[in-house]
Amino acid sequence: MNENEVLLRLRTLLKPRLAQLGVAEKDVADTLNLTRSGVLDSFALMDLLAEAETAFGAQLDLDVLAVEDFATLRGMARSFAKALKP
């Protein structure tokens, strides 16, 4: 699965959370910092990461990643795409 495919899947996982908040999906850029912008709080971000780990069957080692690696959809997609490479 490449980075763009992962990104689309992450957007699908995020969609219900955005709907609950009344945020339009088009308003969330791939490079938007999800916590700084207020789209997600830190707990919701960790829930999204856990859900993505289950969906992709891959775990991210958050101790080795920089915050930027999982604070945006693009960063998460890049990190998961790397983790999914054989």
PDB file of N, CA and C in Angstrom:
ATOM      1  N   MET A   1       0.860  -1.172   0.000  1.00  0.00           N
ATOM      2  CA  MET A   1       0.000   0.000   0.000  1.00  0.00           C
ATOM      3  C   MET A   1       0.906   1.233   0.000  1.00  0.00           C
ATOM      4  N   ASN A   2       0.673   2.128  -0.958  1.00  0.00           N
ATOM      5  CA  ASN A   2       1.522   3.313  -1.019  1.00  0.00           C
ATOM      6  C   ASN A   2       0.957   4.434  -0.134  1.00  0.00           C
ATOM      7  N   GLU A   3       1.707   5.514  -0.044  1.00  0.00           N
ATOM      8  CA  GLU A   3       1.348   6.611   0.859  1.00  0.00           C
ATOM      9  C   GLU A   3      -0.020   7.218   0.539  1.00  0.00           C
ATOM     10  N   ASN A   4      -0.330   7.387  -0.737  1.00  0.00           N
ATOM     11  CA  ASN A   4      -1.623   7.982  -1.103  1.00  0.00           C
ATOM     12  C   ASN A   4      -2.787   7.053  -0.784  1.00  0.00           C
ATOM     13  N   GLU A   5      -2.592   5.751  -0.946  1.00  0.00           N
ATOM     14  CA  GLU A   5      -3.638   4.790  -0.585  1.00  0.00           C
ATOM     15  C   GLU A   5      -3.870   4.796   0.923  1.00  0.00           C
ATOM     16  N   VAL A   6      -2.776   4.875   1.675  1.00  0.00           N
ATOM     17  CA  VAL A   6      -2.883   4.948   3.135  1.00  0.00           C
ATOM     18  C   VAL A   6      -3.610   6.233   3.529  1.00  0.00           C
ATOM     19  N   LEU A   7      -3.278   7.325   2.869  1.00  0.00           N
ATOM     20  CA  LEU A   7      -3.913   8.611   3.163  1.00  0.00           C
ATOM     21  C   LEU A   7      -5.430   8.537   2.953  1.00  0.00           C
ATOM     22  N   LEU A   8      -5.852   7.940   1.868  1.00  0.00           N
ATOM     23  CA  LEU A   8      -7.294   7.793   1.611  1.00  0.00           C
ATOM     24  C   LEU A   8      -7.968   6.963   2.698  1.00  0.00           C
ATOM     25  N   ARG A   9      -7.301   5.916   3.123  1.00  0.00           N
ATOM     26  CA  ARG A   9      -7.855   5.059   4.192  1.00  0.00           C
ATOM     27  C   ARG A   9      -7.936   5.831   5.507  1.00  0.00           C
ATOM     28  N   LEU A  10      -6.907   6.623   5.815  1.00  0.00           N
ATOM     29  CA  LEU A  10      -6.923   7.438   7.033  1.00  0.00           C
ATOM     30  C   LEU A  10      -8.076   8.441   6.991  1.00  0.00           C
ATOM     31  N   ARG A  11      -8.305   9.036   5.842  1.00  0.00           N
ATOM     32  CA  ARG A  11      -9.420   9.985   5.704  1.00  0.00           C
ATOM     33  C   ARG A  11     -10.751   9.292   5.963  1.00  0.00           C
ATOM     34  N   THR A  12     -10.873   8.043   5.516  1.00  0.00           N
ATOM     35  CA  THR A  12     -12.092   7.268   5.765  1.00  0.00           C
ATOM     36  C   THR A  12     -12.268   7.024   7.259  1.00  0.00           C
ATOM     37  N   LEU A  13     -11.166   6.721   7.949  1.00  0.00           N
ATOM     38  CA  LEU A  13     -11.229   6.495   9.396  1.00  0.00           C
ATOM     39  C   LEU A  13     -11.563   7.782  10.148  1.00  0.00           C
ATOM     40  N   LEU A  14     -11.096   8.904   9.641  1.00  0.00           N
ATOM     41  CA  LEU A  14     -11.303  10.192  10.304  1.00  0.00           C
ATOM     42  C   LEU A  14     -12.704  10.760  10.058  1.00  0.00           C
ATOM     43  N   LYS A  15     -13.319  10.374   8.964  1.00  0.00           N
ATOM     44  CA  LYS A  15     -14.603  10.958   8.538  1.00  0.00           C
ATOM     45  C   LYS A  15     -15.680  10.970   9.633  1.00  0.00           C
ATOM     46  N   PRO A  16     -15.920   9.862  10.372  1.00  0.00           N
ATOM     47  CA  PRO A  16     -16.957   9.909  11.419  1.00  0.00           C
ATOM     48  C   PRO A  16     -16.641  10.918  12.527  1.00  0.00           C
ATOM     49  N   ARG A  17     -15.370  11.054  12.865  1.00  0.00           N
ATOM     50  CA  ARG A  17     -14.986  12.023  13.899  1.00  0.00           C
ATOM     51  C   ARG A  17     -15.264  13.444  13.423  1.00  0.00           C
ATOM     52  N   LEU A  18     -14.953  13.705  12.167  1.00  0.00           N
ATOM     53  CA  LEU A  18     -15.209  15.037  11.608  1.00  0.00           C
ATOM     54  C   LEU A  18     -16.701  15.339  11.588  1.00  0.00           C
ATOM     55  N   ALA A  19     -17.497  14.345  11.220  1.00  0.00           N
ATOM     56  CA  ALA A  19     -18.954  14.533  11.181  1.00  0.00           C
ATOM     57  C   ALA A  19     -19.497  14.877  12.566  1.00  0.00           C
ATOM     58  N   GLN A  20     -18.977  14.206  13.597  1.00  0.00           N
ATOM     59  CA  GLN A  20     -19.420  14.492  14.972  1.00  0.00           C
ATOM     60  C   GLN A  20     -19.104  15.924  15.366  1.00  0.00           C
ATOM     61  N   LEU A  21     -17.984  16.432  14.866  1.00  0.00           N
ATOM     62  CA  LEU A  21     -17.561  17.788  15.206  1.00  0.00           C
ATOM     63  C   LEU A  21     -18.163  18.844  14.285  1.00  0.00           C
ATOM     64  N   GLY A  22     -18.828  18.395  13.233  1.00  0.00           N
ATOM     65  CA  GLY A  22     -19.377  19.339  12.271  1.00  0.00           C
ATOM     66  C   GLY A  22     -18.318  19.974  11.390  1.00  0.00           C
ATOM     67  N   VAL A  23     -17.207  19.271  11.195  1.00  0.00           N
ATOM     68  CA  VAL A  23     -16.110  19.764  10.364  1.00  0.00           C
ATOM     69  C   VAL A  23     -16.195  19.086   9.001  1.00  0.00           C
ATOM     70  N   ALA A  24     -16.148  19.868   7.949  1.00  0.00           N
ATOM     71  CA  ALA A  24     -16.190  19.313   6.593  1.00  0.00           C
ATOM     72  C   ALA A  24     -14.843  18.688   6.259  1.00  0.00           C
ATOM     73  N   GLU A  25     -14.880  17.528   5.644  1.00  0.00           N
ATOM     74  CA  GLU A  25     -13.645  16.822   5.286  1.00  0.00           C
ATOM     75  C   GLU A  25     -12.745  17.689   4.405  1.00  0.00           C
ATOM     76  N   LYS A  26     -13.350  18.466   3.514  1.00  0.00           N
ATOM     77  CA  LYS A  26     -12.567  19.316   2.612  1.00  0.00           C
ATOM     78  C   LYS A  26     -11.797  20.404   3.363  1.00  0.00           C
ATOM     79  N   ASP A  27     -12.199  20.696   4.596  1.00  0.00           N
ATOM     80  CA  ASP A  27     -11.528  21.717   5.394  1.00  0.00           C
ATOM     81  C   ASP A  27     -10.301  21.190   6.125  1.00  0.00           C
ATOM     82  N   VAL A  28     -10.050  19.888   6.015  1.00  0.00           N
ATOM     83  CA  VAL A  28      -8.908  19.286   6.705  1.00  0.00           C
ATOM     84  C   VAL A  28      -7.853  18.917   5.662  1.00  0.00           C
ATOM     85  N   ALA A  29      -6.871  19.797   5.510  1.00  0.00           N
ATOM     86  CA  ALA A  29      -5.781  19.557   4.557  1.00  0.00           C
ATOM     87  C   ALA A  29      -4.898  18.420   5.063  1.00  0.00           C
ATOM     88  N   ASP A  30      -4.221  17.773   4.140  1.00  0.00           N
ATOM     89  CA  ASP A  30      -3.336  16.664   4.500  1.00  0.00           C
ATOM     90  C   ASP A  30      -2.220  17.095   5.441  1.00  0.00           C
ATOM     91  N   THR A  31      -1.855  18.376   5.384  1.00  0.00           N
ATOM     92  CA  THR A  31      -0.747  18.884   6.190  1.00  0.00           C
ATOM     93  C   THR A  31      -1.202  19.664   7.423  1.00  0.00           C
ATOM     94  N   LEU A  32      -2.500  19.687   7.684  1.00  0.00           N
ATOM     95  CA  LEU A  32      -3.029  20.392   8.852  1.00  0.00           C
ATOM     96  C   LEU A  32      -2.656  19.648  10.129  1.00  0.00           C
ATOM     97  N   ASN A  33      -2.084  20.362  11.094  1.00  0.00           N
ATOM     98  CA  ASN A  33      -1.790  19.747  12.387  1.00  0.00           C
ATOM     99  C   ASN A  33      -3.128  19.533  13.092  1.00  0.00           C
ATOM    100  N   LEU A  34      -3.482  18.281  13.278  1.00  0.00           N
ATOM    101  CA  LEU A  34      -4.819  17.929  13.766  1.00  0.00           C
ATOM    102  C   LEU A  34      -5.080  18.369  15.198  1.00  0.00           C
ATOM    103  N   THR A  35      -4.059  18.385  16.039  1.00  0.00           N
ATOM    104  CA  THR A  35      -4.283  18.800  17.425  1.00  0.00           C
ATOM    105  C   THR A  35      -4.166  20.313  17.581  1.00  0.00           C
ATOM    106  N   ARG A  36      -3.162  20.915  16.971  1.00  0.00           N
ATOM    107  CA  ARG A  36      -3.006  22.365  17.088  1.00  0.00           C
ATOM    108  C   ARG A  36      -4.195  23.116  16.509  1.00  0.00           C
ATOM    109  N   SER A  37      -4.788  22.552  15.477  1.00  0.00           N
ATOM    110  CA  SER A  37      -5.931  23.199  14.824  1.00  0.00           C
ATOM    111  C   SER A  37      -7.224  23.005  15.612  1.00  0.00           C
ATOM    112  N   GLY A  38      -7.212  22.062  16.561  1.00  0.00           N
ATOM    113  CA  GLY A  38      -8.406  21.788  17.344  1.00  0.00           C
ATOM    114  C   GLY A  38      -9.339  20.769  16.713  1.00  0.00           C
ATOM    115  N   VAL A  39      -8.940  20.202  15.571  1.00  0.00           N
ATOM    116  CA  VAL A  39      -9.772  19.181  14.930  1.00  0.00           C
ATOM    117  C   VAL A  39      -9.862  17.952  15.831  1.00  0.00           C
ATOM    118  N   LEU A  40      -8.742  17.560  16.426  1.00  0.00           N
ATOM    119  CA  LEU A  40      -8.714  16.430  17.363  1.00  0.00           C
ATOM    120  C   LEU A  40      -7.970  16.847  18.621  1.00  0.00           C
ATOM    121  N   ASP A  41      -8.412  16.345  19.767  1.00  0.00           N
ATOM    122  CA  ASP A  41      -7.592  16.525  20.960  1.00  0.00           C
ATOM    123  C   ASP A  41      -6.609  15.353  21.004  1.00  0.00           C
ATOM    124  N   SER A  42      -5.705  15.362  21.961  1.00  0.00           N
ATOM    125  CA  SER A  42      -4.662  14.330  21.995  1.00  0.00           C
ATOM    126  C   SER A  42      -5.242  12.927  22.174  1.00  0.00           C
ATOM    127  N   PHE A  43      -6.330  12.807  22.917  1.00  0.00           N
ATOM    128  CA  PHE A  43      -6.954  11.489  23.107  1.00  0.00           C
ATOM    129  C   PHE A  43      -7.562  10.980  21.795  1.00  0.00           C
ATOM    130  N   ALA A  44      -8.242  11.869  21.085  1.00  0.00           N
ATOM    131  CA  ALA A  44      -8.847  11.484  19.805  1.00  0.00           C
ATOM    132  C   ALA A  44      -7.770  11.128  18.784  1.00  0.00           C
ATOM    133  N   LEU A  45      -6.638  11.828  18.830  1.00  0.00           N
ATOM    134  CA  LEU A  45      -5.531  11.509  17.929  1.00  0.00           C
ATOM    135  C   LEU A  45      -4.997  10.113  18.217  1.00  0.00           C
ATOM    136  N   MET A  46      -4.831   9.790  19.495  1.00  0.00           N
ATOM    137  CA  MET A  46      -4.338   8.459  19.865  1.00  0.00           C
ATOM    138  C   MET A  46      -5.360   7.385  19.487  1.00  0.00           C
ATOM    139  N   ASP A  47      -6.642   7.679  19.631  1.00  0.00           N
ATOM    140  CA  ASP A  47      -7.689   6.739  19.200  1.00  0.00           C
ATOM    141  C   ASP A  47      -7.608   6.499  17.694  1.00  0.00           C
ATOM    142  N   LEU A  48      -7.413   7.575  16.931  1.00  0.00           N
ATOM    143  CA  LEU A  48      -7.295   7.448  15.479  1.00  0.00           C
ATOM    144  C   LEU A  48      -6.079   6.602  15.118  1.00  0.00           C
ATOM    145  N   LEU A  49      -4.957   6.845  15.788  1.00  0.00           N
ATOM    146  CA  LEU A  49      -3.751   6.051  15.521  1.00  0.00           C
ATOM    147  C   LEU A  49      -3.978   4.577  15.842  1.00  0.00           C
ATOM    148  N   ALA A  50      -4.628   4.298  16.965  1.00  0.00           N
ATOM    149  CA  ALA A  50      -4.903   2.904  17.348  1.00  0.00           C
ATOM    150  C   ALA A  50      -5.830   2.241  16.333  1.00  0.00           C
ATOM    151  N   GLU A  51      -6.844   2.971  15.892  1.00  0.00           N
ATOM    152  CA  GLU A  51      -7.767   2.433  14.892  1.00  0.00           C
ATOM    153  C   GLU A  51      -7.031   2.170  13.573  1.00  0.00           C
ATOM    154  N   ALA A  52      -6.134   3.076  13.207  1.00  0.00           N
ATOM    155  CA  ALA A  52      -5.354   2.909  11.976  1.00  0.00           C
ATOM    156  C   ALA A  52      -4.404   1.719  12.097  1.00  0.00           C
ATOM    157  N   GLU A  53      -3.780   1.554  13.250  1.00  0.00           N
ATOM    158  CA  GLU A  53      -2.890   0.403  13.449  1.00  0.00           C
ATOM    159  C   GLU A  53      -3.656  -0.901  13.256  1.00  0.00           C
ATOM    160  N   THR A  54      -4.861  -0.957  13.777  1.00  0.00           N
ATOM    161  CA  THR A  54      -5.698  -2.149  13.602  1.00  0.00           C
ATOM    162  C   THR A  54      -6.075  -2.323  12.131  1.00  0.00           C
ATOM    163  N   ALA A  55      -6.497  -1.257  11.496  1.00  0.00           N
ATOM    164  CA  ALA A  55      -6.924  -1.320  10.092  1.00  0.00           C
ATOM    165  C   ALA A  55      -5.789  -1.742   9.166  1.00  0.00           C
ATOM    166  N   PHE A  56      -4.578  -1.257   9.441  1.00  0.00           N
ATOM    167  CA  PHE A  56      -3.436  -1.558   8.579  1.00  0.00           C
ATOM    168  C   PHE A  56      -2.659  -2.791   9.021  1.00  0.00           C
ATOM    169  N   GLY A  57      -2.925  -3.262  10.234  1.00  0.00           N
ATOM    170  CA  GLY A  57      -2.178  -4.410  10.740  1.00  0.00           C
ATOM    171  C   GLY A  57      -0.714  -4.085  10.971  1.00  0.00           C
ATOM    172  N   ALA A  58      -0.438  -2.845  11.321  1.00  0.00           N
ATOM    173  CA  ALA A  58       0.941  -2.400  11.563  1.00  0.00           C
ATOM    174  C   ALA A  58       0.948  -1.463  12.760  1.00  0.00           C
ATOM    175  N   GLN A  59       2.009  -1.541  13.542  1.00  0.00           N
ATOM    176  CA  GLN A  59       2.134  -0.649  14.693  1.00  0.00           C
ATOM    177  C   GLN A  59       3.241   0.362  14.450  1.00  0.00           C
ATOM    178  N   LEU A  60       2.986   1.589  14.877  1.00  0.00           N
ATOM    179  CA  LEU A  60       4.000   2.629  14.808  1.00  0.00           C
ATOM    180  C   LEU A  60       4.675   2.729  16.163  1.00  0.00           C
ATOM    181  N   ASP A  61       5.982   2.862  16.152  1.00  0.00           N
ATOM    182  CA  ASP A  61       6.720   3.058  17.396  1.00  0.00           C
ATOM    183  C   ASP A  61       6.782   4.560  17.659  1.00  0.00           C
ATOM    184  N   LEU A  62       5.864   5.047  18.463  1.00  0.00           N
ATOM    185  CA  LEU A  62       5.761   6.483  18.711  1.00  0.00           C
ATOM    186  C   LEU A  62       6.967   7.044  19.448  1.00  0.00           C
ATOM    187  N   ASP A  63       7.748   6.168  20.082  1.00  0.00           N
ATOM    188  CA  ASP A  63       8.951   6.627  20.779  1.00  0.00           C
ATOM    189  C   ASP A  63      10.033   7.068  19.795  1.00  0.00           C
ATOM    190  N   VAL A  64      10.005   6.530  18.583  1.00  0.00           N
ATOM    191  CA  VAL A  64      11.031   6.864  17.596  1.00  0.00           C
ATOM    192  C   VAL A  64      10.563   7.919  16.599  1.00  0.00           C
ATOM    193  N   LEU A  65       9.282   8.143  16.532  1.00  0.00           N
ATOM    194  CA  LEU A  65       8.743   9.118  15.585  1.00  0.00           C
ATOM    195  C   LEU A  65       8.700  10.510  16.205  1.00  0.00           C
ATOM    196  N   ALA A  66       8.880  11.500  15.366  1.00  0.00           N
ATOM    197  CA  ALA A  66       8.712  12.884  15.804  1.00  0.00           C
ATOM    198  C   ALA A  66       7.217  13.208  15.781  1.00  0.00           C
ATOM    199  N   VAL A  67       6.817  14.178  16.550  1.00  0.00           N
ATOM    200  CA  VAL A  67       5.406  14.571  16.618  1.00  0.00           C
ATOM    201  C   VAL A  67       4.863  14.866  15.220  1.00  0.00           C
ATOM    202  N   GLU A  68       5.671  15.493  14.381  1.00  0.00           N
ATOM    203  CA  GLU A  68       5.242  15.832  13.026  1.00  0.00           C
ATOM    204  C   GLU A  68       4.900  14.587  12.209  1.00  0.00           C
ATOM    205  N   ASP A  69       5.461  13.449  12.601  1.00  0.00           N
ATOM    206  CA  ASP A  69       5.214  12.207  11.867  1.00  0.00           C
ATOM    207  C   ASP A  69       3.787  11.698  12.038  1.00  0.00           C
ATOM    208  N   PHE A  70       3.112  12.111  13.076  1.00  0.00           N
ATOM    209  CA  PHE A  70       1.737  11.630  13.264  1.00  0.00           C
ATOM    210  C   PHE A  70       0.751  12.737  13.627  1.00  0.00           C
ATOM    211  N   ALA A  71       1.176  13.989  13.539  1.00  0.00           N
ATOM    212  CA  ALA A  71       0.285  15.110  13.855  1.00  0.00           C
ATOM    213  C   ALA A  71      -0.577  15.524  12.665  1.00  0.00           C
ATOM    214  N   THR A  72      -0.178  15.106  11.468  1.00  0.00           N
ATOM    215  CA  THR A  72      -0.937  15.431  10.258  1.00  0.00           C
ATOM    216  C   THR A  72      -1.328  14.138   9.545  1.00  0.00           C
ATOM    217  N   LEU A  73      -2.334  14.213   8.712  1.00  0.00           N
ATOM    218  CA  LEU A  73      -2.730  13.032   7.940  1.00  0.00           C
ATOM    219  C   LEU A  73      -1.600  12.597   7.011  1.00  0.00           C
ATOM    220  N   ARG A  74      -0.909  13.555   6.392  1.00  0.00           N
ATOM    221  CA  ARG A  74       0.195  13.225   5.484  1.00  0.00           C
ATOM    222  C   ARG A  74       1.330  12.539   6.245  1.00  0.00           C
ATOM    223  N   GLY A  75       1.653  13.040   7.432  1.00  0.00           N
ATOM    224  CA  GLY A  75       2.703  12.423   8.236  1.00  0.00           C
ATOM    225  C   GLY A  75       2.337  11.013   8.664  1.00  0.00           C
ATOM    226  N   MET A  76       1.084  10.827   9.075  1.00  0.00           N
ATOM    227  CA  MET A  76       0.622   9.484   9.454  1.00  0.00           C
ATOM    228  C   MET A  76       0.686   8.543   8.260  1.00  0.00           C
ATOM    229  N   ALA A  77       0.237   9.023   7.104  1.00  0.00           N
ATOM    230  CA  ALA A  77       0.237   8.192   5.896  1.00  0.00           C
ATOM    231  C   ALA A  77       1.659   7.770   5.546  1.00  0.00           C
ATOM    232  N   ARG A  78       2.592   8.699   5.617  1.00  0.00           N
ATOM    233  CA  ARG A  78       3.996   8.398   5.321  1.00  0.00           C
ATOM    234  C   ARG A  78       4.533   7.356   6.300  1.00  0.00           C
ATOM    235  N   SER A  79       4.232   7.536   7.584  1.00  0.00           N
ATOM    236  CA  SER A  79       4.723   6.614   8.616  1.00  0.00           C
ATOM    237  C   SER A  79       4.144   5.214   8.438  1.00  0.00           C
ATOM    238  N   PHE A  80       2.844   5.132   8.169  1.00  0.00           N
ATOM    239  CA  PHE A  80       2.224   3.817   7.973  1.00  0.00           C
ATOM    240  C   PHE A  80       2.712   3.165   6.680  1.00  0.00           C
ATOM    241  N   ALA A  81       2.880   3.955   5.621  1.00  0.00           N
ATOM    242  CA  ALA A  81       3.371   3.391   4.358  1.00  0.00           C
ATOM    243  C   ALA A  81       4.758   2.782   4.557  1.00  0.00           C
ATOM    244  N   LYS A  82       5.611   3.451   5.331  1.00  0.00           N
ATOM    245  CA  LYS A  82       6.948   2.900   5.631  1.00  0.00           C
ATOM    246  C   LYS A  82       6.829   1.621   6.446  1.00  0.00           C
ATOM    247  N   ALA A  83       5.936   1.629   7.429  1.00  0.00           N
ATOM    248  CA  ALA A  83       5.767   0.455   8.299  1.00  0.00           C
ATOM    249  C   ALA A  83       5.203  -0.737   7.530  1.00  0.00           C
ATOM    250  N   LEU A  84       4.479  -0.475   6.457  1.00  0.00           N
ATOM    251  CA  LEU A  84       3.854  -1.548   5.687  1.00  0.00           C
ATOM    252  C   LEU A  84       4.761  -2.119   4.602  1.00  0.00           C
ATOM    253  N   LYS A  85       5.891  -1.451   4.346  1.00  0.00           N
ATOM    254  CA  LYS A  85       6.812  -1.961   3.324  1.00  0.00           C
ATOM    255  C   LYS A  85       7.455  -3.253   3.810  1.00  0.00           C
ATOM    256  N   PRO A  86       7.574  -4.227   2.892  1.00  0.00           N
ATOM    257  CA  PRO A  86       8.184  -5.519   3.285  1.00  0.00           C
ATOM    258  C   PRO A  86       9.663  -5.397   3.591  1.00  0.00           C
TER     259      PRO A  86
END
